Each structure stands twice: as structure tokens, then as C-alpha cells.
Amino acid sequence: MSNGFNTPQEIAQSLVTVGKKKCSLSFISIVLLGILAGAYIGFGAELMTMVTHDLAKYVGMGFARFLGGAVFSVGLMLVVIGGAELFTGNNLILTGVIKGEVSWLDMLKNWVVVYLANFIGSLLLVYIMFYSGLWAINQLGVGASALSIATAKVNITWVEAFARGIGCNWLVCLAIWLALASKDVVGKIFAIFFPIMAFVASGFEHSVANMYFIPMGLLLKSNAAVVAASGLAGEKLANLTWSGFVYNNLIPVTLGNIVGGAVFVGAIYAFAYLRETACETK
């Protein structure tokens, strides 16, 4: 064991243990913790919208994206340090499957239940924020920004959404990997901050965050004043529907998230470190 942090080999072993624990949780625990995670990521999403809604005109688009990513990182901090079940992070359970200590069925059951619970938690925060009226801040500027974000997300192509999903969860799961390297809370905060800031500033797509962003836009679309403030109209706004949300964004982004997190982090590190460990013990 290294001084002050865990080595990559130790992180890989920790992921196996964590994956086994996650798959052994009771159904009600998984649902409750999944709802919390959906809300926590939603808090990051709404904070990003609030902070950046008019920021680009003062500091430029690049720095505005950086600050948006900086504040969004609070969502994963709440999940990892506070304790919750997040679908994108749980893609790392594949490490335990490759090691042979978690079954494929248990992993898939966890993914499905957590994913649906995340959706419930996200929608819970969507309605809380919608009825709070905080989207009316700055002469409807926050609401107009939320509507613009949602509209942009349902108007990218399937391939773009899939590729952005890969980039996103590659970084999100690296944030979790790095957090497991740290032995103290401050270290975990820094480990989470930089990869999450990077994925948001880069413009990648997170399926659970989009469970907040796009439904919020769908609710605000019904407000004529917000639509007018956003300056949106025509075909792009017409694509902002529940079916457009699911087909144009949620499905390809979710698949991309699985590839980015489960394959590019969970599987690659498992084959790099755990197979070597298995050979050494024979």
C-alpha cells in the first residue's frame, strides 16, 4: 500500500468488493439510494444552469463551460461521499463480473433497477425546481437557458449522442476510480472535481443528467413567455418531445455511457490488473 493513496491494483480489487456489496443490497435500498442519486445529479444540473445561464457574454464561452463543469461536479460528490446508487458509476460493476465474483445477471438487475430509480429521482427534482419558479430568475433567463439546453440535446444525431456518451462516462468512471485512490474526503473531492469538470466543459452527454435537463425543458416548453425569451421556434423546438428525448438522446447516450464506463474503465482495468493478480496467486 502506497503512502497516502491506494495503488491502481488496490483500486481494482476495491471495485470488485464494492460491486459485490452493491449487488447484495436489498431491493428497497437500491431503489431509495437510486432515487437519491438521480436527485443529486439533478442538483448538479440545475446549479450548472443557474450559474451559466448568462455567463458566456461576460467571460466567454470557454470559461463559462469550465465554470459550468466546476459546479456540476457537486452532483457526483454527493453521490460518492454522501452515498447513493448511480447507474453510470455502477457500470464499473463489470470489473467484478470479469473477476468472476459477480454474476452477469446480478449486474444487469442492478443496472436496470438503479437506472429506473435514477429516473424517478431526476423527475422528482425536475418538478420541485419547476414549481419553485426559480427558472424565472433574471427575467426568465434561467428558464430560457434550460429550454435551450434541452432543445440542443434532442437535436444532435444518434452517432453524436452515442460518442458523447462514451466520452462522458469514461471520465465519470475515472472520477470514481481516482476517488477510490484517496483515503480522505478532501482527496476524493479533488479526484471527482477534475474529470467531471472535464466532461461537462467538453460537452459530453450523461444519461442521468439528461433525465433532469430534458424533462425540465419539456415542462418549460409549455410556457409561452419562456419560449419567447429563448428565441427558439420551428423544427428544433418541435423535436423536444418525450419520444424525442428517449429516442434521440436517452437511448444512444445510455449505450455510450455503458461503453465508456463499463468497457473503457471497468473492463480494461480489470484485464490489466486483476488477471495479473489471478496469475500471481496460482
C-alpha atoms as a PDB file:
ATOM      1  CA  MET A   1       0.000   0.000   0.000  1.00  0.00           C
ATOM      2  CA  SER A   2       1.390   3.392  -1.014  1.00  0.00           C
ATOM      3  CA  ASN A   3       1.579   6.271   1.410  1.00  0.00           C
ATOM      4  CA  GLY A   4      -1.479   8.485   1.178  1.00  0.00           C
ATOM      5  CA  PHE A   5      -3.278   6.693  -1.622  1.00  0.00           C
ATOM      6  CA  ASN A   6      -4.261   3.290  -2.963  1.00  0.00           C
ATOM      7  CA  THR A   7      -2.449   1.856  -5.975  1.00  0.00           C
ATOM      8  CA  PRO A   8      -4.304   1.017  -9.198  1.00  0.00           C
ATOM      9  CA  GLN A   9      -4.142  -2.681  -8.303  1.00  0.00           C
ATOM     10  CA  GLU A  10      -5.740  -1.936  -4.933  1.00  0.00           C
ATOM     11  CA  ILE A  11      -8.404   0.220  -6.602  1.00  0.00           C
ATOM     12  CA  ALA A  12      -9.296  -2.636  -8.950  1.00  0.00           C
ATOM     13  CA  GLN A  13      -9.663  -5.016  -6.012  1.00  0.00           C
ATOM     14  CA  SER A  14     -11.770  -2.425  -4.169  1.00  0.00           C
ATOM     15  CA  LEU A  15     -14.098  -2.177  -7.162  1.00  0.00           C
ATOM     16  CA  VAL A  16     -14.715  -5.914  -7.029  1.00  0.00           C
ATOM     17  CA  THR A  17     -15.628  -5.677  -3.341  1.00  0.00           C
ATOM     18  CA  VAL A  18     -17.820  -2.622  -3.915  1.00  0.00           C
ATOM     19  CA  GLY A  19     -19.569  -4.299  -6.841  1.00  0.00           C
ATOM     20  CA  LYS A  20     -20.388  -7.355  -4.745  1.00  0.00           C
ATOM     21  CA  LYS A  21     -21.829  -5.147  -1.997  1.00  0.00           C
ATOM     22  CA  LYS A  22     -23.925  -3.170  -4.465  1.00  0.00           C
ATOM     23  CA  CYS A  23     -25.428  -6.346  -5.924  1.00  0.00           C
ATOM     24  CA  SER A  24     -26.210  -7.687  -2.442  1.00  0.00           C
ATOM     25  CA  LEU A  25     -28.238  -4.644  -1.344  1.00  0.00           C
ATOM     26  CA  SER A  26     -31.948  -5.155  -0.762  1.00  0.00           C
ATOM     27  CA  PHE A  27     -34.346  -4.036  -3.487  1.00  0.00           C
ATOM     28  CA  ILE A  28     -35.746  -1.216  -1.366  1.00  0.00           C
ATOM     29  CA  SER A  29     -32.228   0.039  -0.507  1.00  0.00           C
ATOM     30  CA  ILE A  30     -31.239   0.093  -4.181  1.00  0.00           C
ATOM     31  CA  VAL A  31     -34.418   1.973  -5.108  1.00  0.00           C
ATOM     32  CA  LEU A  32     -34.064   4.569  -2.346  1.00  0.00           C
ATOM     33  CA  LEU A  33     -30.356   5.142  -2.996  1.00  0.00           C
ATOM     34  CA  GLY A  34     -31.033   5.257  -6.737  1.00  0.00           C
ATOM     35  CA  ILE A  35     -33.671   7.946  -6.258  1.00  0.00           C
ATOM     36  CA  LEU A  36     -31.203   9.963  -4.198  1.00  0.00           C
ATOM     37  CA  ALA A  37     -28.527   9.667  -6.889  1.00  0.00           C
ATOM     38  CA  GLY A  38     -30.929  10.879  -9.580  1.00  0.00           C
ATOM     39  CA  ALA A  39     -31.768  13.908  -7.436  1.00  0.00           C
ATOM     40  CA  TYR A  40     -28.105  14.559  -6.587  1.00  0.00           C
ATOM     41  CA  ILE A  41     -27.064  14.620 -10.250  1.00  0.00           C
ATOM     42  CA  GLY A  42     -30.114  16.803 -10.876  1.00  0.00           C
ATOM     43  CA  PHE A  43     -28.828  19.280  -8.294  1.00  0.00           C
ATOM     44  CA  GLY A  44     -25.594  19.497 -10.235  1.00  0.00           C
ATOM     45  CA  ALA A  45     -27.526  20.040 -13.469  1.00  0.00           C
ATOM     46  CA  GLU A  46     -29.784  22.764 -12.093  1.00  0.00           C
ATOM     47  CA  LEU A  47     -26.832  24.508 -10.456  1.00  0.00           C
ATOM     48  CA  MET A  48     -24.950  24.476 -13.746  1.00  0.00           C
ATOM     49  CA  THR A  49     -27.969  26.021 -15.494  1.00  0.00           C
ATOM     50  CA  MET A  50     -28.343  28.689 -12.832  1.00  0.00           C
ATOM     51  CA  VAL A  51     -24.657  29.665 -12.790  1.00  0.00           C
ATOM     52  CA  THR A  52     -24.030  29.674 -16.547  1.00  0.00           C
ATOM     53  CA  HIS A  53     -27.335  30.936 -17.986  1.00  0.00           C
ATOM     54  CA  ASP A  54     -25.885  34.366 -18.874  1.00  0.00           C
ATOM     55  CA  LEU A  55     -22.210  33.858 -18.124  1.00  0.00           C
ATOM     56  CA  ALA A  56     -20.775  33.438 -21.637  1.00  0.00           C
ATOM     57  CA  LYS A  57     -21.407  37.057 -22.598  1.00  0.00           C
ATOM     58  CA  TYR A  58     -19.268  38.227 -19.674  1.00  0.00           C
ATOM     59  CA  VAL A  59     -16.393  35.714 -19.580  1.00  0.00           C
ATOM     60  CA  GLY A  60     -16.586  33.941 -22.958  1.00  0.00           C
ATOM     61  CA  MET A  61     -17.980  30.551 -23.898  1.00  0.00           C
ATOM     62  CA  GLY A  62     -14.904  28.516 -22.972  1.00  0.00           C
ATOM     63  CA  PHE A  63     -14.592  29.829 -19.418  1.00  0.00           C
ATOM     64  CA  ALA A  64     -18.359  29.640 -18.936  1.00  0.00           C
ATOM     65  CA  ARG A  65     -18.219  25.935 -19.843  1.00  0.00           C
ATOM     66  CA  PHE A  66     -15.366  25.447 -17.388  1.00  0.00           C
ATOM     67  CA  LEU A  67     -17.363  27.044 -14.563  1.00  0.00           C
ATOM     68  CA  GLY A  68     -20.416  25.018 -15.523  1.00  0.00           C
ATOM     69  CA  GLY A  69     -18.399  21.841 -15.193  1.00  0.00           C
ATOM     70  CA  ALA A  70     -16.916  23.036 -11.913  1.00  0.00           C
ATOM     71  CA  VAL A  71     -20.284  23.494 -10.233  1.00  0.00           C
ATOM     72  CA  PHE A  72     -21.830  20.392 -11.827  1.00  0.00           C
ATOM     73  CA  SER A  73     -19.207  18.255 -10.065  1.00  0.00           C
ATOM     74  CA  VAL A  74     -21.116  18.683  -6.795  1.00  0.00           C
ATOM     75  CA  GLY A  75     -23.561  16.064  -8.059  1.00  0.00           C
ATOM     76  CA  LEU A  76     -21.046  13.204  -8.113  1.00  0.00           C
ATOM     77  CA  MET A  77     -19.512  14.405  -4.849  1.00  0.00           C
ATOM     78  CA  LEU A  78     -22.914  13.977  -3.224  1.00  0.00           C
ATOM     79  CA  VAL A  79     -23.258  10.508  -4.751  1.00  0.00           C
ATOM     80  CA  VAL A  80     -19.810   9.210  -3.806  1.00  0.00           C
ATOM     81  CA  ILE A  81     -19.299  10.857  -0.412  1.00  0.00           C
ATOM     82  CA  GLY A  82     -22.935  11.054   0.694  1.00  0.00           C
ATOM     83  CA  GLY A  83     -23.732   7.558  -0.548  1.00  0.00           C
ATOM     84  CA  ALA A  84     -26.119   6.781  -3.404  1.00  0.00           C
ATOM     85  CA  GLU A  85     -26.550   4.391  -6.332  1.00  0.00           C
ATOM     86  CA  LEU A  86     -25.799   5.927  -9.740  1.00  0.00           C
ATOM     87  CA  PHE A  87     -26.259   3.959 -12.962  1.00  0.00           C
ATOM     88  CA  THR A  88     -23.236   5.426 -14.728  1.00  0.00           C
ATOM     89  CA  GLY A  89     -20.950   4.729 -11.771  1.00  0.00           C
ATOM     90  CA  ASN A  90     -22.386   1.238 -11.358  1.00  0.00           C
ATOM     91  CA  ASN A  91     -21.183   0.415 -14.854  1.00  0.00           C
ATOM     92  CA  LEU A  92     -17.936  -0.362 -13.008  1.00  0.00           C
ATOM     93  CA  ILE A  93     -19.585  -3.467 -11.528  1.00  0.00           C
ATOM     94  CA  LEU A  94     -18.360  -5.146 -14.724  1.00  0.00           C
ATOM     95  CA  THR A  95     -14.949  -5.302 -13.036  1.00  0.00           C
ATOM     96  CA  GLY A  96     -16.349  -7.806 -10.544  1.00  0.00           C
ATOM     97  CA  VAL A  97     -18.010  -9.778 -13.331  1.00  0.00           C
ATOM     98  CA  ILE A  98     -14.703 -10.125 -15.185  1.00  0.00           C
ATOM     99  CA  LYS A  99     -13.020 -11.161 -11.936  1.00  0.00           C
ATOM    100  CA  GLY A 100     -15.703 -13.858 -11.584  1.00  0.00           C
ATOM    101  CA  GLU A 101     -17.090 -12.649  -8.258  1.00  0.00           C
ATOM    102  CA  VAL A 102     -20.286 -11.023  -9.563  1.00  0.00           C
ATOM    103  CA  SER A 103     -22.723 -12.691 -11.961  1.00  0.00           C
ATOM    104  CA  TRP A 104     -23.865 -11.097 -15.217  1.00  0.00           C
ATOM    105  CA  LEU A 105     -27.464 -11.428 -14.073  1.00  0.00           C
ATOM    106  CA  ASP A 106     -26.861  -9.663 -10.762  1.00  0.00           C
ATOM    107  CA  MET A 107     -25.041  -6.829 -12.539  1.00  0.00           C
ATOM    108  CA  LEU A 108     -27.811  -6.365 -15.121  1.00  0.00           C
ATOM    109  CA  LYS A 109     -30.516  -6.439 -12.435  1.00  0.00           C
ATOM    110  CA  ASN A 110     -28.646  -3.756 -10.514  1.00  0.00           C
ATOM    111  CA  TRP A 111     -28.268  -1.622 -13.619  1.00  0.00           C
ATOM    112  CA  VAL A 112     -31.958  -1.793 -14.534  1.00  0.00           C
ATOM    113  CA  VAL A 113     -33.272  -1.020 -11.039  1.00  0.00           C
ATOM    114  CA  VAL A 114     -30.766   1.764 -10.409  1.00  0.00           C
ATOM    115  CA  TYR A 115     -31.410   3.309 -13.854  1.00  0.00           C
ATOM    116  CA  LEU A 116     -35.157   3.464 -13.269  1.00  0.00           C
ATOM    117  CA  ALA A 117     -34.679   4.763  -9.726  1.00  0.00           C
ATOM    118  CA  ASN A 118     -32.303   7.458 -11.030  1.00  0.00           C
ATOM    119  CA  PHE A 119     -35.039   8.497 -13.465  1.00  0.00           C
ATOM    120  CA  ILE A 120     -37.552   8.792 -10.620  1.00  0.00           C
ATOM    121  CA  GLY A 121     -35.126  10.886  -8.554  1.00  0.00           C
ATOM    122  CA  SER A 122     -34.354  13.136 -11.505  1.00  0.00           C
ATOM    123  CA  LEU A 123     -38.039  13.729 -12.240  1.00  0.00           C
ATOM    124  CA  LEU A 124     -38.671  14.434  -8.561  1.00  0.00           C
ATOM    125  CA  LEU A 125     -36.158  17.278  -8.666  1.00  0.00           C
ATOM    126  CA  VAL A 126     -37.457  18.472 -12.043  1.00  0.00           C
ATOM    127  CA  TYR A 127     -40.925  19.045 -10.583  1.00  0.00           C
ATOM    128  CA  ILE A 128     -39.541  20.585  -7.395  1.00  0.00           C
ATOM    129  CA  MET A 129     -37.484  23.055  -9.435  1.00  0.00           C
ATOM    130  CA  PHE A 130     -40.312  23.744 -11.889  1.00  0.00           C
ATOM    131  CA  TYR A 131     -42.796  24.591  -9.148  1.00  0.00           C
ATOM    132  CA  SER A 132     -40.165  26.587  -7.248  1.00  0.00           C
ATOM    133  CA  GLY A 133     -40.362  29.199 -10.004  1.00  0.00           C
ATOM    134  CA  LEU A 134     -36.607  29.751  -9.851  1.00  0.00           C
ATOM    135  CA  TRP A 135     -36.430  29.431 -13.625  1.00  0.00           C
ATOM    136  CA  ALA A 136     -37.957  32.931 -13.772  1.00  0.00           C
ATOM    137  CA  ILE A 137     -34.786  34.491 -12.329  1.00  0.00           C
ATOM    138  CA  ASN A 138     -33.154  37.219 -14.442  1.00  0.00           C
ATOM    139  CA  GLN A 139     -36.298  37.938 -16.429  1.00  0.00           C
ATOM    140  CA  LEU A 140     -36.828  34.279 -17.378  1.00  0.00           C
ATOM    141  CA  GLY A 141     -33.167  33.975 -18.347  1.00  0.00           C
ATOM    142  CA  VAL A 142     -32.654  30.778 -16.343  1.00  0.00           C
ATOM    143  CA  GLY A 143     -35.737  29.166 -17.870  1.00  0.00           C
ATOM    144  CA  ALA A 144     -34.720  30.228 -21.369  1.00  0.00           C
ATOM    145  CA  SER A 145     -31.288  28.679 -20.834  1.00  0.00           C
ATOM    146  CA  ALA A 146     -32.813  25.436 -19.511  1.00  0.00           C
ATOM    147  CA  LEU A 147     -35.069  25.254 -22.555  1.00  0.00           C
ATOM    148  CA  SER A 148     -32.138  25.899 -24.892  1.00  0.00           C
ATOM    149  CA  ILE A 149     -30.055  23.169 -23.234  1.00  0.00           C
ATOM    150  CA  ALA A 150     -32.854  20.611 -23.562  1.00  0.00           C
ATOM    151  CA  THR A 151     -33.566  21.569 -27.173  1.00  0.00           C
ATOM    152  CA  ALA A 152     -29.915  21.264 -28.162  1.00  0.00           C
ATOM    153  CA  LYS A 153     -29.697  17.791 -26.611  1.00  0.00           C
ATOM    154  CA  VAL A 154     -32.594  16.343 -28.631  1.00  0.00           C
ATOM    155  CA  ASN A 155     -31.277  17.779 -31.892  1.00  0.00           C
ATOM    156  CA  ILE A 156     -27.924  16.021 -32.070  1.00  0.00           C
ATOM    157  CA  THR A 157     -27.581  12.891 -34.200  1.00  0.00           C
ATOM    158  CA  TRP A 158     -27.636   9.353 -32.814  1.00  0.00           C
ATOM    159  CA  VAL A 159     -23.930   8.919 -33.563  1.00  0.00           C
ATOM    160  CA  GLU A 160     -23.065  12.224 -31.884  1.00  0.00           C
ATOM    161  CA  ALA A 161     -25.119  11.314 -28.795  1.00  0.00           C
ATOM    162  CA  PHE A 162     -23.517   7.857 -28.611  1.00  0.00           C
ATOM    163  CA  ALA A 163     -19.961   9.212 -28.994  1.00  0.00           C
ATOM    164  CA  ARG A 164     -20.573  11.952 -26.425  1.00  0.00           C
ATOM    165  CA  GLY A 165     -21.957   9.323 -24.064  1.00  0.00           C
ATOM    166  CA  ILE A 166     -18.722   7.342 -24.358  1.00  0.00           C
ATOM    167  CA  GLY A 167     -16.565  10.363 -23.553  1.00  0.00           C
ATOM    168  CA  CYS A 168     -18.767  11.292 -20.613  1.00  0.00           C
ATOM    169  CA  ASN A 169     -18.764   8.045 -18.708  1.00  0.00           C
ATOM    170  CA  TRP A 170     -15.139   7.318 -19.471  1.00  0.00           C
ATOM    171  CA  LEU A 171     -14.410  10.439 -17.411  1.00  0.00           C
ATOM    172  CA  VAL A 172     -17.143   9.856 -14.807  1.00  0.00           C
ATOM    173  CA  CYS A 173     -15.872   6.350 -14.063  1.00  0.00           C
ATOM    174  CA  LEU A 174     -12.311   7.652 -13.965  1.00  0.00           C
ATOM    175  CA  ALA A 175     -13.524  10.153 -11.351  1.00  0.00           C
ATOM    176  CA  ILE A 176     -14.826   7.251  -9.272  1.00  0.00           C
ATOM    177  CA  TRP A 177     -11.624   5.291  -9.884  1.00  0.00           C
ATOM    178  CA  LEU A 178      -9.500   8.231  -8.722  1.00  0.00           C
ATOM    179  CA  ALA A 179     -11.785   8.807  -5.706  1.00  0.00           C
ATOM    180  CA  LEU A 180     -11.122   5.219  -4.634  1.00  0.00           C
ATOM    181  CA  ALA A 181      -7.399   6.008  -4.729  1.00  0.00           C
ATOM    182  CA  SER A 182      -7.829   8.605  -1.992  1.00  0.00           C
ATOM    183  CA  LYS A 183      -8.036   7.782   1.703  1.00  0.00           C
ATOM    184  CA  ASP A 184      -9.574  11.101   2.798  1.00  0.00           C
ATOM    185  CA  VAL A 185     -12.589  13.188   1.852  1.00  0.00           C
ATOM    186  CA  VAL A 186     -10.598  16.152   0.541  1.00  0.00           C
ATOM    187  CA  GLY A 187      -8.687  13.858  -1.782  1.00  0.00           C
ATOM    188  CA  LYS A 188     -11.941  12.357  -3.038  1.00  0.00           C
ATOM    189  CA  ILE A 189     -13.338  15.832  -3.743  1.00  0.00           C
ATOM    190  CA  PHE A 190     -10.324  16.754  -5.884  1.00  0.00           C
ATOM    191  CA  ALA A 191     -10.368  13.360  -7.589  1.00  0.00           C
ATOM    192  CA  ILE A 192     -14.003  13.874  -8.573  1.00  0.00           C
ATOM    193  CA  PHE A 193     -13.760  17.546  -9.499  1.00  0.00           C
ATOM    194  CA  PHE A 194     -11.334  17.455 -12.406  1.00  0.00           C
ATOM    195  CA  PRO A 195     -12.752  14.589 -14.528  1.00  0.00           C
ATOM    196  CA  ILE A 196     -16.334  15.821 -14.018  1.00  0.00           C
ATOM    197  CA  MET A 197     -15.367  19.381 -14.894  1.00  0.00           C
ATOM    198  CA  ALA A 198     -13.668  17.984 -17.994  1.00  0.00           C
ATOM    199  CA  PHE A 199     -16.681  16.008 -19.209  1.00  0.00           C
ATOM    200  CA  VAL A 200     -19.115  18.909 -18.776  1.00  0.00           C
ATOM    201  CA  ALA A 201     -16.804  21.550 -20.245  1.00  0.00           C
ATOM    202  CA  SER A 202     -16.131  19.243 -23.193  1.00  0.00           C
ATOM    203  CA  GLY A 203     -19.855  18.928 -23.948  1.00  0.00           C
ATOM    204  CA  PHE A 204     -20.217  15.189 -23.370  1.00  0.00           C
ATOM    205  CA  GLU A 205     -23.592  13.584 -22.570  1.00  0.00           C
ATOM    206  CA  HIS A 206     -24.611  11.959 -19.253  1.00  0.00           C
ATOM    207  CA  SER A 207     -27.783   9.866 -19.324  1.00  0.00           C
ATOM    208  CA  VAL A 208     -28.823  10.595 -15.736  1.00  0.00           C
ATOM    209  CA  ALA A 209     -28.085  14.313 -16.005  1.00  0.00           C
ATOM    210  CA  ASN A 210     -30.218  14.364 -19.147  1.00  0.00           C
ATOM    211  CA  MET A 211     -33.064  12.839 -17.134  1.00  0.00           C
ATOM    212  CA  TYR A 212     -33.098  16.263 -15.460  1.00  0.00           C
ATOM    213  CA  PHE A 213     -32.107  18.609 -18.289  1.00  0.00           C
ATOM    214  CA  ILE A 214     -34.564  17.410 -20.923  1.00  0.00           C
ATOM    215  CA  PRO A 215     -37.717  16.899 -18.802  1.00  0.00           C
ATOM    216  CA  MET A 216     -37.142  20.382 -17.343  1.00  0.00           C
ATOM    217  CA  GLY A 217     -37.096  21.717 -20.890  1.00  0.00           C
ATOM    218  CA  LEU A 218     -40.254  19.780 -21.692  1.00  0.00           C
ATOM    219  CA  LEU A 219     -42.096  21.441 -18.815  1.00  0.00           C
ATOM    220  CA  LEU A 220     -40.789  24.905 -19.714  1.00  0.00           C
ATOM    221  CA  LYS A 221     -41.769  24.424 -23.359  1.00  0.00           C
ATOM    222  CA  SER A 222     -45.408  24.843 -22.291  1.00  0.00           C
ATOM    223  CA  ASN A 223     -44.667  28.383 -21.036  1.00  0.00           C
ATOM    224  CA  ALA A 224     -45.013  30.822 -23.946  1.00  0.00           C
ATOM    225  CA  ALA A 225     -43.024  33.538 -22.154  1.00  0.00           C
ATOM    226  CA  VAL A 226     -40.043  31.217 -21.643  1.00  0.00           C
ATOM    227  CA  VAL A 227     -40.201  30.094 -25.271  1.00  0.00           C
ATOM    228  CA  ALA A 228     -40.240  33.729 -26.396  1.00  0.00           C
ATOM    229  CA  ALA A 229     -37.304  34.577 -24.111  1.00  0.00           C
ATOM    230  CA  SER A 230     -35.302  31.662 -25.515  1.00  0.00           C
ATOM    231  CA  GLY A 231     -35.862  32.728 -29.121  1.00  0.00           C
ATOM    232  CA  LEU A 232     -36.476  29.094 -30.078  1.00  0.00           C
ATOM    233  CA  ALA A 233     -39.022  28.045 -32.665  1.00  0.00           C
ATOM    234  CA  GLY A 234     -39.581  25.723 -35.604  1.00  0.00           C
ATOM    235  CA  GLU A 235     -38.304  22.198 -36.150  1.00  0.00           C
ATOM    236  CA  LYS A 236     -35.664  22.205 -33.417  1.00  0.00           C
ATOM    237  CA  LEU A 237     -38.204  23.041 -30.728  1.00  0.00           C
ATOM    238  CA  ALA A 238     -40.660  20.588 -32.292  1.00  0.00           C
ATOM    239  CA  ASN A 239     -38.169  17.782 -31.617  1.00  0.00           C
ATOM    240  CA  LEU A 240     -38.367  18.496 -27.875  1.00  0.00           C
ATOM    241  CA  THR A 241     -40.921  15.803 -27.027  1.00  0.00           C
ATOM    242  CA  TRP A 242     -40.896  12.785 -24.729  1.00  0.00           C
ATOM    243  CA  SER A 243     -40.327  10.476 -27.703  1.00  0.00           C
ATOM    244  CA  GLY A 244     -37.594  12.779 -28.995  1.00  0.00           C
ATOM    245  CA  PHE A 245     -35.992  12.704 -25.547  1.00  0.00           C
ATOM    246  CA  VAL A 246     -35.959   8.900 -25.353  1.00  0.00           C
ATOM    247  CA  TYR A 247     -35.042   8.047 -28.938  1.00  0.00           C
ATOM    248  CA  ASN A 248     -32.795  10.946 -29.948  1.00  0.00           C
ATOM    249  CA  ASN A 249     -30.888  11.265 -26.689  1.00  0.00           C
ATOM    250  CA  LEU A 250     -31.520   8.871 -23.822  1.00  0.00           C
ATOM    251  CA  ILE A 251     -31.044   5.589 -25.698  1.00  0.00           C
ATOM    252  CA  PRO A 252     -27.825   6.446 -27.579  1.00  0.00           C
ATOM    253  CA  VAL A 253     -26.344   8.318 -24.602  1.00  0.00           C
ATOM    254  CA  THR A 254     -27.072   5.409 -22.255  1.00  0.00           C
ATOM    255  CA  LEU A 255     -25.428   2.945 -24.632  1.00  0.00           C
ATOM    256  CA  GLY A 256     -22.448   5.267 -24.987  1.00  0.00           C
ATOM    257  CA  ASN A 257     -22.209   5.628 -21.209  1.00  0.00           C
ATOM    258  CA  ILE A 258     -22.052   1.834 -20.860  1.00  0.00           C
ATOM    259  CA  VAL A 259     -19.235   1.593 -23.393  1.00  0.00           C
ATOM    260  CA  GLY A 260     -17.301   4.496 -21.854  1.00  0.00           C
ATOM    261  CA  GLY A 261     -17.631   3.363 -18.244  1.00  0.00           C
ATOM    262  CA  ALA A 262     -18.030  -0.412 -18.262  1.00  0.00           C
ATOM    263  CA  VAL A 263     -15.684  -1.165 -21.157  1.00  0.00           C
ATOM    264  CA  PHE A 264     -13.070   1.603 -21.270  1.00  0.00           C
ATOM    265  CA  VAL A 265     -12.618   1.789 -17.499  1.00  0.00           C
ATOM    266  CA  GLY A 266     -14.108  -1.259 -15.768  1.00  0.00           C
ATOM    267  CA  ALA A 267     -13.135  -3.937 -18.273  1.00  0.00           C
ATOM    268  CA  ILE A 268      -9.764  -2.595 -19.363  1.00  0.00           C
ATOM    269  CA  TYR A 269      -8.528  -2.085 -15.820  1.00  0.00           C
ATOM    270  CA  ALA A 270      -9.889  -5.487 -14.799  1.00  0.00           C
ATOM    271  CA  PHE A 271      -7.937  -7.225 -17.560  1.00  0.00           C
ATOM    272  CA  ALA A 272      -4.859  -5.088 -16.848  1.00  0.00           C
ATOM    273  CA  TYR A 273      -4.718  -5.667 -13.094  1.00  0.00           C
ATOM    274  CA  LEU A 274      -6.989  -8.475 -11.916  1.00  0.00           C
ATOM    275  CA  ARG A 275      -5.939 -11.137 -14.415  1.00  0.00           C
ATOM    276  CA  GLU A 276      -2.331 -10.422 -13.445  1.00  0.00           C
ATOM    277  CA  THR A 277      -3.239 -10.838  -9.771  1.00  0.00           C
ATOM    278  CA  ALA A 278      -5.018 -14.106 -10.513  1.00  0.00           C
ATOM    279  CA  CYS A 279      -1.917 -15.458 -12.312  1.00  0.00           C
ATOM    280  CA  GLU A 280       0.353 -14.467  -9.424  1.00  0.00           C
ATOM    281  CA  THR A 281      -1.742 -16.420  -6.913  1.00  0.00           C
ATOM    282  CA  LYS A 282      -1.616 -19.668  -8.905  1.00  0.00           C
END
